[in-house]
Amino acid sequence: MRPSGCVGYVLQFGDWSIYHSGDTVRYDGMAEKLQEFKIDVALLPINGRAAERRIPGNLFGNEAALLAKDIGGEVGKYRAISRCSN
């Protein structure tokens, strides 16, 4: 079941499909729904869940990697931006 009040976006440009999940955790049927779009790029939040830090919930790294695999993708290189400067 999909959590109520949650939204993610699939943007399609010609042959390309980009999925931006927004804040998310995996739910039953999520991968199957996304497989229909043949996602080329998936933007998934990786900061886990921790009630003590008042983080209601996102994916842990292993969950994001498994979701990417399950929707037919490959895990690519990524780099977090820790600080922006001019």
N, C-alpha and C. Protein backbone atom coordinates (compact mmCIF):
# COMPACT_ATOMS: atom_id res chain seq x y z
N MET A 1 0.84 -1.18 0.00
CA MET A 1 0.00 0.00 0.00
C MET A 1 0.88 1.24 0.00
N ARG A 2 0.54 2.21 -0.80
CA ARG A 2 1.28 3.46 -0.87
C ARG A 2 0.87 4.35 0.30
N PRO A 3 1.88 4.92 0.98
CA PRO A 3 1.54 5.84 2.08
C PRO A 3 0.73 7.03 1.56
N SER A 4 -0.32 7.41 2.28
CA SER A 4 -1.14 8.52 1.82
C SER A 4 -0.40 9.84 2.01
N GLY A 5 -0.69 10.78 1.14
CA GLY A 5 -0.07 12.10 1.23
C GLY A 5 1.33 12.17 0.65
N CYS A 6 1.80 11.08 0.05
CA CYS A 6 3.15 11.06 -0.52
C CYS A 6 3.06 11.19 -2.02
N VAL A 7 4.11 11.78 -2.59
CA VAL A 7 4.11 11.95 -4.04
C VAL A 7 5.54 11.83 -4.56
N GLY A 8 5.68 11.20 -5.70
CA GLY A 8 6.94 11.14 -6.42
C GLY A 8 6.63 11.53 -7.86
N TYR A 9 7.66 11.84 -8.64
CA TYR A 9 7.44 12.30 -10.00
C TYR A 9 8.25 11.48 -10.98
N VAL A 10 7.65 11.14 -12.12
CA VAL A 10 8.36 10.56 -13.24
C VAL A 10 8.27 11.59 -14.37
N LEU A 11 9.42 12.07 -14.79
CA LEU A 11 9.50 13.03 -15.89
C LEU A 11 9.96 12.29 -17.13
N GLN A 12 9.27 12.47 -18.22
CA GLN A 12 9.63 11.79 -19.45
C GLN A 12 9.97 12.81 -20.52
N PHE A 13 11.13 12.61 -21.15
CA PHE A 13 11.63 13.49 -22.21
C PHE A 13 12.05 12.59 -23.37
N GLY A 14 11.25 12.50 -24.39
CA GLY A 14 11.58 11.60 -25.49
C GLY A 14 11.67 10.17 -24.97
N ASP A 15 12.83 9.55 -25.14
CA ASP A 15 13.04 8.17 -24.70
C ASP A 15 13.51 8.08 -23.25
N TRP A 16 13.71 9.20 -22.59
CA TRP A 16 14.26 9.20 -21.23
C TRP A 16 13.17 9.32 -20.19
N SER A 17 13.35 8.59 -19.07
CA SER A 17 12.46 8.70 -17.91
C SER A 17 13.30 8.94 -16.66
N ILE A 18 12.95 9.98 -15.92
CA ILE A 18 13.66 10.32 -14.69
C ILE A 18 12.65 10.25 -13.55
N TYR A 19 13.03 9.52 -12.51
CA TYR A 19 12.16 9.39 -11.34
C TYR A 19 12.76 10.17 -10.18
N HIS A 20 12.00 11.11 -9.64
CA HIS A 20 12.38 11.83 -8.43
C HIS A 20 11.39 11.43 -7.35
N SER A 21 11.88 10.69 -6.37
CA SER A 21 10.96 10.12 -5.38
C SER A 21 10.52 11.11 -4.32
N GLY A 22 11.28 12.17 -4.09
CA GLY A 22 11.02 12.98 -2.92
C GLY A 22 11.31 12.14 -1.69
N ASP A 23 10.90 12.57 -0.52
CA ASP A 23 11.08 11.75 0.68
C ASP A 23 10.27 10.48 0.51
N THR A 24 10.90 9.33 0.76
CA THR A 24 10.18 8.08 0.53
C THR A 24 10.76 6.92 1.30
N VAL A 25 9.92 5.96 1.54
CA VAL A 25 10.33 4.62 1.96
C VAL A 25 9.67 3.68 0.97
N ARG A 26 10.20 2.48 0.86
CA ARG A 26 9.63 1.52 -0.10
C ARG A 26 8.30 1.00 0.43
N TYR A 27 7.36 0.83 -0.47
CA TYR A 27 6.05 0.26 -0.13
C TYR A 27 5.76 -0.89 -1.09
N ASP A 28 4.84 -1.74 -0.71
CA ASP A 28 4.47 -2.88 -1.54
C ASP A 28 4.00 -2.42 -2.90
N GLY A 29 4.57 -2.98 -3.94
CA GLY A 29 4.17 -2.65 -5.31
C GLY A 29 4.91 -1.48 -5.92
N MET A 30 5.77 -0.81 -5.16
CA MET A 30 6.48 0.37 -5.66
C MET A 30 7.35 0.04 -6.87
N ALA A 31 8.19 -0.99 -6.75
CA ALA A 31 9.10 -1.34 -7.84
C ALA A 31 8.32 -1.72 -9.09
N GLU A 32 7.25 -2.46 -8.92
CA GLU A 32 6.44 -2.88 -10.07
C GLU A 32 5.83 -1.68 -10.79
N LYS A 33 5.35 -0.70 -10.04
CA LYS A 33 4.81 0.51 -10.66
C LYS A 33 5.88 1.25 -11.46
N LEU A 34 7.08 1.34 -10.88
CA LEU A 34 8.16 2.07 -11.54
C LEU A 34 8.71 1.33 -12.75
N GLN A 35 8.67 0.01 -12.74
CA GLN A 35 9.16 -0.77 -13.89
C GLN A 35 8.40 -0.40 -15.16
N GLU A 36 7.15 -0.03 -15.02
CA GLU A 36 6.32 0.34 -16.18
C GLU A 36 6.90 1.53 -16.94
N PHE A 37 7.65 2.39 -16.24
CA PHE A 37 8.18 3.61 -16.86
C PHE A 37 9.58 3.42 -17.45
N LYS A 38 10.20 2.27 -17.23
CA LYS A 38 11.56 2.02 -17.73
C LYS A 38 12.49 3.19 -17.35
N ILE A 39 12.64 3.38 -16.06
CA ILE A 39 13.39 4.50 -15.50
C ILE A 39 14.86 4.47 -15.94
N ASP A 40 15.35 5.60 -16.44
CA ASP A 40 16.76 5.74 -16.80
C ASP A 40 17.57 6.31 -15.64
N VAL A 41 16.99 7.25 -14.92
CA VAL A 41 17.66 7.89 -13.79
C VAL A 41 16.67 7.96 -12.63
N ALA A 42 17.11 7.47 -11.46
CA ALA A 42 16.27 7.54 -10.26
C ALA A 42 17.00 8.36 -9.20
N LEU A 43 16.35 9.39 -8.72
CA LEU A 43 16.89 10.22 -7.64
C LEU A 43 16.20 9.78 -6.35
N LEU A 44 16.96 9.12 -5.49
CA LEU A 44 16.41 8.51 -4.27
C LEU A 44 17.09 9.09 -3.04
N PRO A 45 16.33 9.43 -2.00
CA PRO A 45 16.93 9.97 -0.78
C PRO A 45 17.57 8.86 0.05
N ILE A 46 18.77 9.12 0.51
CA ILE A 46 19.49 8.12 1.32
C ILE A 46 19.92 8.79 2.62
N ASN A 47 19.04 8.77 3.60
CA ASN A 47 19.44 9.25 4.93
C ASN A 47 18.75 8.46 6.03
N GLY A 48 18.10 7.37 5.67
CA GLY A 48 17.53 6.46 6.65
C GLY A 48 16.38 7.03 7.46
N ARG A 49 16.11 6.33 8.53
CA ARG A 49 15.02 6.72 9.42
C ARG A 49 15.56 6.71 10.85
N ALA A 50 15.24 7.74 11.60
CA ALA A 50 15.71 7.83 12.98
C ALA A 50 14.77 8.74 13.77
N ALA A 51 13.90 8.13 14.54
CA ALA A 51 12.92 8.91 15.31
C ALA A 51 13.61 9.88 16.26
N GLU A 52 14.74 9.47 16.83
CA GLU A 52 15.43 10.35 17.79
C GLU A 52 15.99 11.61 17.13
N ARG A 53 16.20 11.58 15.80
CA ARG A 53 16.68 12.76 15.08
C ARG A 53 15.53 13.47 14.37
N ARG A 54 14.30 13.03 14.66
CA ARG A 54 13.09 13.59 14.06
C ARG A 54 13.09 13.48 12.54
N ILE A 55 13.64 12.38 12.05
CA ILE A 55 13.61 12.08 10.62
C ILE A 55 12.55 11.01 10.43
N PRO A 56 11.41 11.38 9.85
CA PRO A 56 10.30 10.42 9.77
C PRO A 56 10.60 9.22 8.89
N GLY A 57 11.40 9.38 7.88
CA GLY A 57 11.72 8.20 7.11
C GLY A 57 12.14 8.46 5.68
N ASN A 58 13.22 7.86 5.32
CA ASN A 58 13.71 7.79 3.95
C ASN A 58 14.42 6.45 3.82
N LEU A 59 14.98 6.22 2.68
CA LEU A 59 15.67 4.96 2.42
C LEU A 59 17.06 4.95 3.06
N PHE A 60 17.47 3.76 3.49
CA PHE A 60 18.87 3.53 3.83
C PHE A 60 19.59 3.21 2.52
N GLY A 61 20.89 3.31 2.48
CA GLY A 61 21.65 3.07 1.25
C GLY A 61 21.37 1.73 0.62
N ASN A 62 21.33 0.67 1.44
CA ASN A 62 21.08 -0.66 0.88
C ASN A 62 19.66 -0.77 0.31
N GLU A 63 18.70 -0.08 0.92
CA GLU A 63 17.33 -0.10 0.41
C GLU A 63 17.23 0.63 -0.94
N ALA A 64 17.93 1.75 -1.06
CA ALA A 64 17.93 2.50 -2.31
C ALA A 64 18.59 1.68 -3.42
N ALA A 65 19.70 1.01 -3.10
CA ALA A 65 20.38 0.18 -4.09
C ALA A 65 19.49 -0.97 -4.55
N LEU A 66 18.79 -1.60 -3.62
CA LEU A 66 17.89 -2.70 -3.97
C LEU A 66 16.72 -2.20 -4.81
N LEU A 67 16.16 -1.05 -4.46
CA LEU A 67 15.07 -0.49 -5.26
C LEU A 67 15.55 -0.19 -6.68
N ALA A 68 16.73 0.42 -6.80
CA ALA A 68 17.28 0.71 -8.12
C ALA A 68 17.42 -0.58 -8.94
N LYS A 69 17.94 -1.63 -8.31
CA LYS A 69 18.08 -2.92 -8.99
C LYS A 69 16.72 -3.48 -9.38
N ASP A 70 15.76 -3.40 -8.48
CA ASP A 70 14.44 -3.98 -8.72
C ASP A 70 13.65 -3.24 -9.81
N ILE A 71 13.97 -1.99 -10.07
CA ILE A 71 13.27 -1.28 -11.15
C ILE A 71 14.03 -1.39 -12.46
N GLY A 72 15.11 -2.18 -12.44
CA GLY A 72 15.84 -2.45 -13.67
C GLY A 72 17.03 -1.56 -13.90
N GLY A 73 17.47 -0.89 -12.87
CA GLY A 73 18.58 0.03 -13.02
C GLY A 73 19.88 -0.50 -12.48
N GLU A 74 20.89 0.31 -12.61
CA GLU A 74 22.20 0.03 -12.05
C GLU A 74 22.53 1.16 -11.09
N VAL A 75 23.24 0.84 -10.04
CA VAL A 75 23.65 1.86 -9.10
C VAL A 75 24.88 2.55 -9.69
N GLY A 76 24.78 3.86 -9.86
CA GLY A 76 25.89 4.62 -10.42
C GLY A 76 26.68 5.31 -9.33
N LYS A 77 27.73 5.97 -9.74
CA LYS A 77 28.53 6.73 -8.79
C LYS A 77 27.75 7.96 -8.35
N TYR A 78 27.97 8.36 -7.14
CA TYR A 78 27.31 9.55 -6.64
C TYR A 78 28.28 10.28 -5.73
N ARG A 79 28.00 11.52 -5.51
CA ARG A 79 28.82 12.33 -4.62
C ARG A 79 27.89 13.31 -3.91
N ALA A 80 27.94 13.28 -2.62
CA ALA A 80 27.11 14.21 -1.85
C ALA A 80 27.78 15.57 -1.79
N ILE A 81 26.99 16.60 -1.79
CA ILE A 81 27.50 17.96 -1.65
C ILE A 81 27.36 18.33 -0.19
N SER A 82 28.48 18.49 0.48
CA SER A 82 28.41 18.78 1.91
C SER A 82 28.37 20.27 2.20
N ARG A 83 28.92 21.08 1.29
CA ARG A 83 28.93 22.52 1.53
C ARG A 83 29.02 23.24 0.20
N CYS A 84 28.27 24.27 0.05
CA CYS A 84 28.34 25.09 -1.15
C CYS A 84 29.05 26.38 -0.83
N SER A 85 29.91 26.81 -1.72
CA SER A 85 30.61 28.08 -1.52
C SER A 85 30.72 28.81 -2.84
N ASN A 86 30.91 30.10 -2.75
CA ASN A 86 31.04 30.92 -3.96
C ASN A 86 32.46 30.96 -4.43
